[in-house]
Amino acid sequence: MISLRWLLIAAPLSWLLAWLGAPAVAVFITCGLAIIPLAAEMGAATETLAVRTGPAVGGLLNATFGNAAELIVAVVALRAGLVDLVKASLVGSILGNLLLILGLSLVAGGLRRPTLTFNRTAAGSSGAMLLLAVAALVIPALFAFVHPAARPEETLRLSEGVAAVLVVTYGASLAFSLVTHRQLFHGESGGSGHATAPAAPYSPRVALAILAGATAFVAIESEMLVRATETLVERFGLSQLFLGLIVIPLIGNAAEHATAVVVARRGQTDLALHIALGSSTQVALFVAPLLVGVGALLSQPMSLVFTGFEVVALGFASLIVTVIALDGESNWFEGAQLLALYALVALAVWFI
């Protein structure tokens, strides 16, 4: 995979632009570009630690740091009171993983072979978990629709209850996939067969140092990014929905996007599918509940009531991906269909 480290030059550039009082658009772009390689380094360091610590602890590490860059941006935005932006970024991350990442992966792999095959059992299990997670996120919105006169405190308490259930479910899913039924999730059904695990790029000590340093720099860039976002929303009229649903998830998941496309191009369809479905499920079952708790600690209450557009988009995306995954086969045209749906969502959000 092409190294993204050259983008690190954007970090000092963003600091300089912010110090000089440059336009918010320039600061936003440079901060976003700086977060991309930092997220890539965090992912590589996490993988190194996961290889060394075994599957159980590795699963916990991936749960904690797999979406770390995006999570940090969300926490900073939540502290700034941009609750709508945070909720939109959660939905945008799920949609980006399901439609953009998986779509690009299927197109990249399908251009080299007419039919892509993958582990049907694992894909079906991941698809079912994804539908459950999306259904849980939709429930607070349904409650708000059926009971429009409900007090905000009631909706918030419901969201906190849903968050608790999601966290427990995520723990059960880790136990299922990593301990009791881990044999179901091994094996590459298509392409070149079993992929040889890559050598760890760092030693554990170096990985820990990189993880700590990258996390600190992402926090700094996130602070500047959110300040620039507030200016963009106020001065240029860009909606929090568009920035959260489309722009911020692209920044936080750029390294993950590239990894999925590269492995799919190499014929590792199972791995690409796991990245797309696994990351989406992780956002719904782990990141969203975590942000509900963080909001309570920061005195910035965040419920899981999403807009009607977000709910419908989540439903369509999860349903079409589950249908594609059920037969254990795919092709480049199904990937193009996913990309078309993502483009339609982005186009609609631009005009909202």
Protein backbone atom coordinates (compact mmCIF):
# COMPACT_ATOMS: atom_id res chain seq x y z
CA MET A 1 0.00 0.00 0.00
CA ILE A 2 1.23 3.48 -0.86
CA SER A 3 2.56 5.28 2.20
CA LEU A 4 0.50 8.20 3.42
CA ARG A 5 3.28 9.63 5.58
CA TRP A 6 4.04 12.41 3.12
CA LEU A 7 0.69 13.92 4.14
CA LEU A 8 2.14 14.60 7.61
CA ILE A 9 3.50 17.86 6.20
CA ALA A 10 -0.10 19.07 6.46
CA ALA A 11 0.14 19.09 10.29
CA PRO A 12 2.67 21.94 10.70
CA LEU A 13 1.03 23.69 7.75
CA SER A 14 -2.33 23.63 9.55
CA TRP A 15 -0.74 25.08 12.69
CA LEU A 16 0.84 27.87 10.64
CA LEU A 17 -2.42 28.67 8.86
CA ALA A 18 -4.34 28.73 12.14
CA TRP A 19 -1.69 31.02 13.73
CA LEU A 20 -1.84 33.37 10.74
CA GLY A 21 -5.63 33.50 10.88
CA ALA A 22 -6.04 31.95 7.42
CA PRO A 23 -9.54 31.27 6.02
CA ALA A 24 -11.43 28.48 7.79
CA VAL A 25 -11.61 26.44 4.58
CA ALA A 26 -7.81 26.26 4.34
CA VAL A 27 -7.46 25.27 8.00
CA PHE A 28 -10.20 22.66 7.65
CA ILE A 29 -8.58 21.07 4.58
CA THR A 30 -5.06 20.94 6.04
CA CYS A 31 -6.30 19.56 9.38
CA GLY A 32 -8.28 16.90 7.53
CA LEU A 33 -5.27 15.92 5.42
CA ALA A 34 -3.09 15.73 8.56
CA ILE A 35 -5.51 13.37 10.32
CA ILE A 36 -5.41 10.84 7.44
CA PRO A 37 -1.77 9.65 7.89
CA LEU A 38 -2.08 9.88 11.67
CA ALA A 39 -5.07 7.54 11.52
CA ALA A 40 -3.06 5.19 9.29
CA GLU A 41 -0.20 5.09 11.79
CA MET A 42 -2.64 4.43 14.64
CA GLY A 43 -4.09 1.53 12.68
CA ALA A 44 -0.68 0.02 11.96
CA ALA A 45 0.39 0.35 15.61
CA THR A 46 -2.86 -1.21 16.80
CA GLU A 47 -2.42 -4.16 14.43
CA THR A 48 1.11 -4.70 15.78
CA LEU A 49 -0.15 -4.83 19.36
CA ALA A 50 -3.07 -7.08 18.36
CA VAL A 51 -0.69 -9.60 16.76
CA ARG A 52 1.47 -9.67 19.90
CA THR A 53 -1.33 -9.90 22.45
CA GLY A 54 -3.52 -12.56 20.84
CA PRO A 55 -7.06 -12.48 19.43
CA ALA A 56 -9.00 -11.64 22.60
CA VAL A 57 -6.93 -8.63 23.65
CA GLY A 58 -6.43 -7.79 19.98
CA GLY A 59 -10.17 -7.56 19.51
CA LEU A 60 -10.41 -5.18 22.45
CA LEU A 61 -7.59 -3.06 21.06
CA ASN A 62 -9.26 -2.88 17.67
CA ALA A 63 -12.54 -1.95 19.36
CA THR A 64 -10.79 0.84 21.24
CA PHE A 65 -8.49 2.22 18.55
CA GLY A 66 -10.00 1.02 15.26
CA ASN A 67 -12.05 4.19 14.90
CA ALA A 68 -9.91 6.27 17.25
CA ALA A 69 -9.28 9.22 14.93
CA GLU A 70 -12.96 9.60 14.14
CA LEU A 71 -13.87 9.12 17.80
CA ILE A 72 -11.51 11.90 18.89
CA VAL A 73 -12.99 14.29 16.33
CA ALA A 74 -16.48 13.39 17.59
CA VAL A 75 -15.54 13.96 21.25
CA VAL A 76 -14.03 17.37 20.47
CA ALA A 77 -17.13 18.31 18.45
CA LEU A 78 -19.37 17.11 21.26
CA ARG A 79 -17.48 19.23 23.78
CA ALA A 80 -18.04 22.21 21.48
CA GLY A 81 -21.78 21.53 21.52
CA LEU A 82 -22.02 20.34 17.89
CA VAL A 83 -24.32 17.45 18.76
CA ASP A 84 -25.99 17.31 15.34
CA LEU A 85 -22.57 17.12 13.69
CA VAL A 86 -21.57 14.20 15.93
CA LYS A 87 -24.77 12.25 15.24
CA ALA A 88 -24.43 12.87 11.51
CA SER A 89 -20.82 11.65 11.60
CA LEU A 90 -21.94 8.37 13.20
CA VAL A 91 -24.43 7.76 10.42
CA GLY A 92 -21.93 8.95 7.82
CA SER A 93 -19.29 6.54 9.07
CA ILE A 94 -21.67 3.59 8.79
CA LEU A 95 -22.83 4.66 5.31
CA GLY A 96 -19.25 5.28 4.19
CA ASN A 97 -18.13 1.83 5.30
CA LEU A 98 -21.12 0.02 3.80
CA LEU A 99 -21.50 1.88 0.52
CA LEU A 100 -18.22 3.62 -0.29
CA ILE A 101 -15.61 1.22 1.16
CA LEU A 102 -17.42 -1.96 0.16
CA GLY A 103 -18.44 -0.51 -3.20
CA LEU A 104 -14.89 0.51 -4.10
CA SER A 105 -13.57 -2.85 -2.86
CA LEU A 106 -15.99 -4.88 -4.99
CA VAL A 107 -15.20 -2.78 -8.06
CA ALA A 108 -11.45 -3.07 -7.45
CA GLY A 109 -11.61 -6.84 -6.98
CA GLY A 110 -14.24 -7.44 -9.65
CA LEU A 111 -12.24 -5.76 -12.40
CA ARG A 112 -9.67 -8.57 -12.08
CA ARG A 113 -12.03 -11.56 -11.83
CA PRO A 114 -15.60 -12.09 -13.02
CA THR A 115 -16.94 -13.46 -9.72
CA LEU A 116 -15.85 -12.63 -6.18
CA THR A 117 -16.51 -15.28 -3.55
CA PHE A 118 -16.23 -15.01 0.22
CA ASN A 119 -17.08 -16.82 3.45
CA ARG A 120 -20.86 -16.97 3.30
CA THR A 121 -21.32 -17.96 6.95
CA ALA A 122 -19.15 -15.14 8.30
CA ALA A 123 -20.73 -12.61 5.94
CA GLY A 124 -24.23 -13.71 6.95
CA SER A 125 -23.41 -13.46 10.64
CA SER A 126 -21.87 -10.01 10.19
CA GLY A 127 -24.85 -8.89 8.11
CA ALA A 128 -27.32 -10.03 10.76
CA MET A 129 -25.34 -8.21 13.46
CA LEU A 130 -25.31 -5.10 11.30
CA LEU A 131 -29.09 -5.18 10.84
CA LEU A 132 -29.54 -5.60 14.60
CA ALA A 133 -27.24 -2.65 15.29
CA VAL A 134 -29.01 -0.40 12.78
CA ALA A 135 -32.42 -1.44 14.15
CA ALA A 136 -31.26 -0.49 17.66
CA LEU A 137 -30.15 2.93 16.45
CA VAL A 138 -33.50 3.46 14.74
CA ILE A 139 -35.59 2.64 17.84
CA PRO A 140 -35.10 6.02 19.60
CA ALA A 141 -36.15 7.82 16.39
CA LEU A 142 -39.26 5.64 16.17
CA PHE A 143 -40.04 6.43 19.81
CA ALA A 144 -39.70 10.16 19.14
CA PHE A 145 -41.97 9.83 16.08
CA VAL A 146 -44.68 7.86 17.91
CA HIS A 147 -44.47 10.04 21.04
CA PRO A 148 -43.71 13.56 19.78
CA ALA A 149 -44.82 15.03 23.11
CA ALA A 150 -42.27 13.00 25.08
CA ARG A 151 -39.95 15.04 27.28
CA PRO A 152 -36.29 15.31 26.16
CA GLU A 153 -35.28 13.60 29.40
CA GLU A 154 -37.33 10.53 28.46
CA THR A 155 -35.73 10.32 25.02
CA LEU A 156 -32.29 10.71 26.57
CA ARG A 157 -32.94 7.96 29.13
CA LEU A 158 -34.14 5.68 26.31
CA SER A 159 -30.97 6.43 24.35
CA GLU A 160 -28.82 5.60 27.37
CA GLY A 161 -30.67 2.31 27.79
CA VAL A 162 -30.20 1.48 24.12
CA ALA A 163 -26.50 2.37 24.44
CA ALA A 164 -26.11 -0.05 27.35
CA VAL A 165 -27.76 -2.86 25.38
CA LEU A 166 -25.54 -2.15 22.37
CA VAL A 167 -22.36 -2.31 24.44
CA VAL A 168 -23.38 -5.66 25.94
CA THR A 169 -24.24 -6.94 22.47
CA TYR A 170 -20.88 -5.81 21.14
CA GLY A 171 -19.12 -7.68 23.93
CA ALA A 172 -21.12 -10.79 23.06
CA SER A 173 -20.22 -10.41 19.38
CA LEU A 174 -16.51 -10.25 20.26
CA ALA A 175 -16.84 -13.39 22.36
CA PHE A 176 -18.69 -15.13 19.50
CA SER A 177 -16.26 -14.19 16.75
CA LEU A 178 -13.01 -14.41 18.74
CA VAL A 179 -13.66 -17.24 21.21
CA THR A 180 -16.63 -19.59 20.93
CA HIS A 181 -17.08 -19.63 17.11
CA ARG A 182 -13.84 -18.17 15.83
CA GLN A 183 -13.47 -21.03 13.33
CA LEU A 184 -16.41 -19.61 11.36
CA PHE A 185 -14.50 -16.41 10.71
CA HIS A 186 -11.30 -17.93 9.32
CA GLY A 187 -10.57 -18.63 5.72
CA GLU A 188 -10.56 -16.81 2.44
CA SER A 189 -13.11 -18.29 0.07
CA GLY A 190 -12.11 -16.38 -2.95
CA GLY A 191 -9.12 -15.06 -4.77
CA SER A 192 -5.80 -16.46 -3.80
CA GLY A 193 -6.94 -18.38 -0.75
CA HIS A 194 -5.51 -17.89 2.71
CA ALA A 195 -3.56 -14.72 2.98
CA THR A 196 -0.30 -14.74 4.84
CA ALA A 197 -0.44 -12.42 7.80
CA PRO A 198 1.87 -9.48 7.23
CA ALA A 199 4.85 -9.01 9.50
CA ALA A 200 4.33 -6.52 12.29
CA PRO A 201 5.81 -3.20 11.13
CA TYR A 202 6.87 -2.14 14.62
CA SER A 203 8.02 -3.60 17.91
CA PRO A 204 5.43 -3.39 20.73
CA ARG A 205 7.27 -0.53 22.45
CA VAL A 206 7.52 1.47 19.25
CA ALA A 207 3.87 0.72 18.50
CA LEU A 208 2.81 2.03 21.91
CA ALA A 209 4.87 5.19 21.44
CA ILE A 210 3.42 5.76 17.96
CA LEU A 211 -0.10 5.13 19.23
CA ALA A 212 0.31 7.63 22.06
CA GLY A 213 1.95 10.26 19.86
CA ALA A 214 -0.50 9.89 16.98
CA THR A 215 -3.45 10.07 19.39
CA ALA A 216 -2.12 13.32 20.86
CA PHE A 217 -1.59 14.87 17.42
CA VAL A 218 -5.04 13.75 16.25
CA ALA A 219 -6.52 15.44 19.32
CA ILE A 220 -4.71 18.69 18.43
CA GLU A 221 -5.77 18.55 14.79
CA SER A 222 -9.33 17.67 15.80
CA GLU A 223 -9.54 20.74 18.02
CA MET A 224 -8.53 22.95 15.10
CA LEU A 225 -10.76 21.05 12.67
CA VAL A 226 -13.84 21.55 14.86
CA ARG A 227 -13.12 25.26 15.29
CA ALA A 228 -12.86 25.59 11.52
CA THR A 229 -16.07 23.56 11.15
CA GLU A 230 -17.95 26.00 13.40
CA THR A 231 -16.79 28.86 11.18
CA LEU A 232 -17.80 27.02 8.00
CA VAL A 233 -21.26 26.37 9.40
CA GLU A 234 -21.78 29.94 10.56
CA ARG A 235 -20.09 31.92 7.79
CA PHE A 236 -20.61 29.81 4.67
CA GLY A 237 -23.94 28.18 5.46
CA LEU A 238 -22.70 24.59 5.15
CA SER A 239 -24.96 22.30 7.14
CA GLN A 240 -23.73 20.15 10.02
CA LEU A 241 -25.57 17.28 8.33
CA PHE A 242 -23.44 17.48 5.16
CA LEU A 243 -20.15 17.94 7.01
CA GLY A 244 -20.93 15.15 9.46
CA LEU A 245 -22.52 12.71 7.03
CA ILE A 246 -20.03 13.04 4.17
CA VAL A 247 -16.87 15.07 4.89
CA ILE A 248 -15.72 14.09 8.40
CA PRO A 249 -16.20 10.30 7.93
CA LEU A 250 -14.09 10.49 4.76
CA ILE A 251 -11.29 12.11 6.76
CA GLY A 252 -11.41 9.67 9.67
CA ASN A 253 -11.76 6.55 7.50
CA ALA A 254 -9.47 7.44 4.57
CA ALA A 255 -6.69 5.05 5.62
CA GLU A 256 -9.22 2.28 6.20
CA HIS A 257 -10.76 2.95 2.77
CA ALA A 258 -7.38 2.55 1.10
CA THR A 259 -6.60 -0.68 2.96
CA ALA A 260 -9.89 -2.32 2.00
CA VAL A 261 -9.51 -1.43 -1.67
CA VAL A 262 -5.91 -2.69 -1.80
CA VAL A 263 -6.68 -6.07 -0.20
CA ALA A 264 -9.74 -6.50 -2.43
CA ARG A 265 -7.57 -5.79 -5.47
CA ARG A 266 -5.26 -8.58 -4.30
CA GLY A 267 -8.18 -11.02 -4.14
CA GLN A 268 -8.75 -10.96 -0.36
CA THR A 269 -12.49 -10.34 -0.62
CA ASP A 270 -13.21 -11.76 2.84
CA LEU A 271 -10.84 -9.27 4.45
CA ALA A 272 -12.33 -6.33 2.55
CA LEU A 273 -15.83 -7.42 3.54
CA HIS A 274 -14.74 -7.79 7.17
CA ILE A 275 -13.30 -4.26 7.16
CA ALA A 276 -16.51 -2.76 5.77
CA LEU A 277 -19.04 -4.70 7.84
CA GLY A 278 -16.88 -4.94 10.95
CA SER A 279 -16.16 -1.21 11.08
CA SER A 280 -19.83 -0.32 10.52
CA THR A 281 -20.94 -2.68 13.28
CA GLN A 282 -18.25 -1.31 15.59
CA VAL A 283 -19.48 2.26 15.07
CA ALA A 284 -23.08 1.27 15.83
CA LEU A 285 -22.40 -1.04 18.78
CA PHE A 286 -19.38 0.61 20.39
CA VAL A 287 -18.65 4.15 19.20
CA ALA A 288 -22.25 5.45 19.32
CA PRO A 289 -22.91 4.19 22.88
CA LEU A 290 -19.52 5.48 23.99
CA LEU A 291 -20.36 8.96 22.72
CA VAL A 292 -23.67 8.90 24.60
CA GLY A 293 -21.68 8.28 27.78
CA VAL A 294 -19.08 10.93 26.91
CA GLY A 295 -21.88 13.43 26.29
CA ALA A 296 -23.24 12.79 29.78
CA LEU A 297 -19.79 13.34 31.30
CA LEU A 298 -19.29 16.58 29.33
CA SER A 299 -22.77 17.87 30.19
CA GLN A 300 -23.62 17.78 26.49
CA PRO A 301 -26.55 15.34 26.41
CA MET A 302 -26.63 13.37 23.17
CA SER A 303 -29.58 11.16 22.35
CA LEU A 304 -29.64 8.54 19.59
CA VAL A 305 -32.59 10.17 17.83
CA PHE A 306 -31.56 10.61 14.21
CA THR A 307 -33.37 12.50 11.46
CA GLY A 308 -35.82 10.76 9.16
CA PHE A 309 -33.38 11.02 6.25
CA GLU A 310 -30.57 9.41 8.29
CA VAL A 311 -32.86 6.58 9.43
CA VAL A 312 -34.03 5.78 5.90
CA ALA A 313 -30.50 5.95 4.49
CA LEU A 314 -29.23 3.58 7.19
CA GLY A 315 -32.06 1.16 6.52
CA PHE A 316 -31.51 1.07 2.76
CA ALA A 317 -27.74 0.70 3.07
CA SER A 318 -27.81 -2.13 5.62
CA LEU A 319 -30.51 -3.98 3.71
CA ILE A 320 -28.79 -3.87 0.32
CA VAL A 321 -25.41 -4.89 1.78
CA THR A 322 -27.00 -7.83 3.63
CA VAL A 323 -28.70 -8.99 0.41
CA ILE A 324 -25.38 -8.80 -1.47
CA ALA A 325 -23.55 -10.75 1.24
CA LEU A 326 -26.08 -13.57 1.69
CA ASP A 327 -25.17 -15.64 -1.39
CA GLY A 328 -21.42 -15.54 -0.77
CA GLU A 329 -20.73 -14.09 -4.22
CA SER A 330 -20.43 -10.66 -5.76
CA ASN A 331 -19.06 -8.78 -8.78
CA TRP A 332 -17.94 -5.33 -9.84
CA PHE A 333 -21.44 -4.24 -10.86
CA GLU A 334 -22.83 -4.79 -7.36
CA GLY A 335 -20.00 -2.58 -6.12
CA ALA A 336 -21.00 0.07 -8.66
CA GLN A 337 -24.57 -0.11 -7.35
CA LEU A 338 -23.35 0.57 -3.81
CA LEU A 339 -21.33 3.55 -5.06
CA ALA A 340 -24.39 4.86 -6.91
CA LEU A 341 -26.46 4.74 -3.72
CA TYR A 342 -23.71 6.57 -1.82
CA ALA A 343 -23.61 9.27 -4.52
CA LEU A 344 -27.38 9.66 -4.31
CA VAL A 345 -27.21 10.08 -0.52
CA ALA A 346 -24.39 12.65 -0.82
CA LEU A 347 -26.30 14.54 -3.50
CA ALA A 348 -29.45 14.66 -1.39
CA VAL A 349 -27.56 15.81 1.71
CA TRP A 350 -25.97 18.68 -0.23
CA PHE A 351 -29.42 20.12 -0.91
CA ILE A 352 -30.83 19.59 2.58
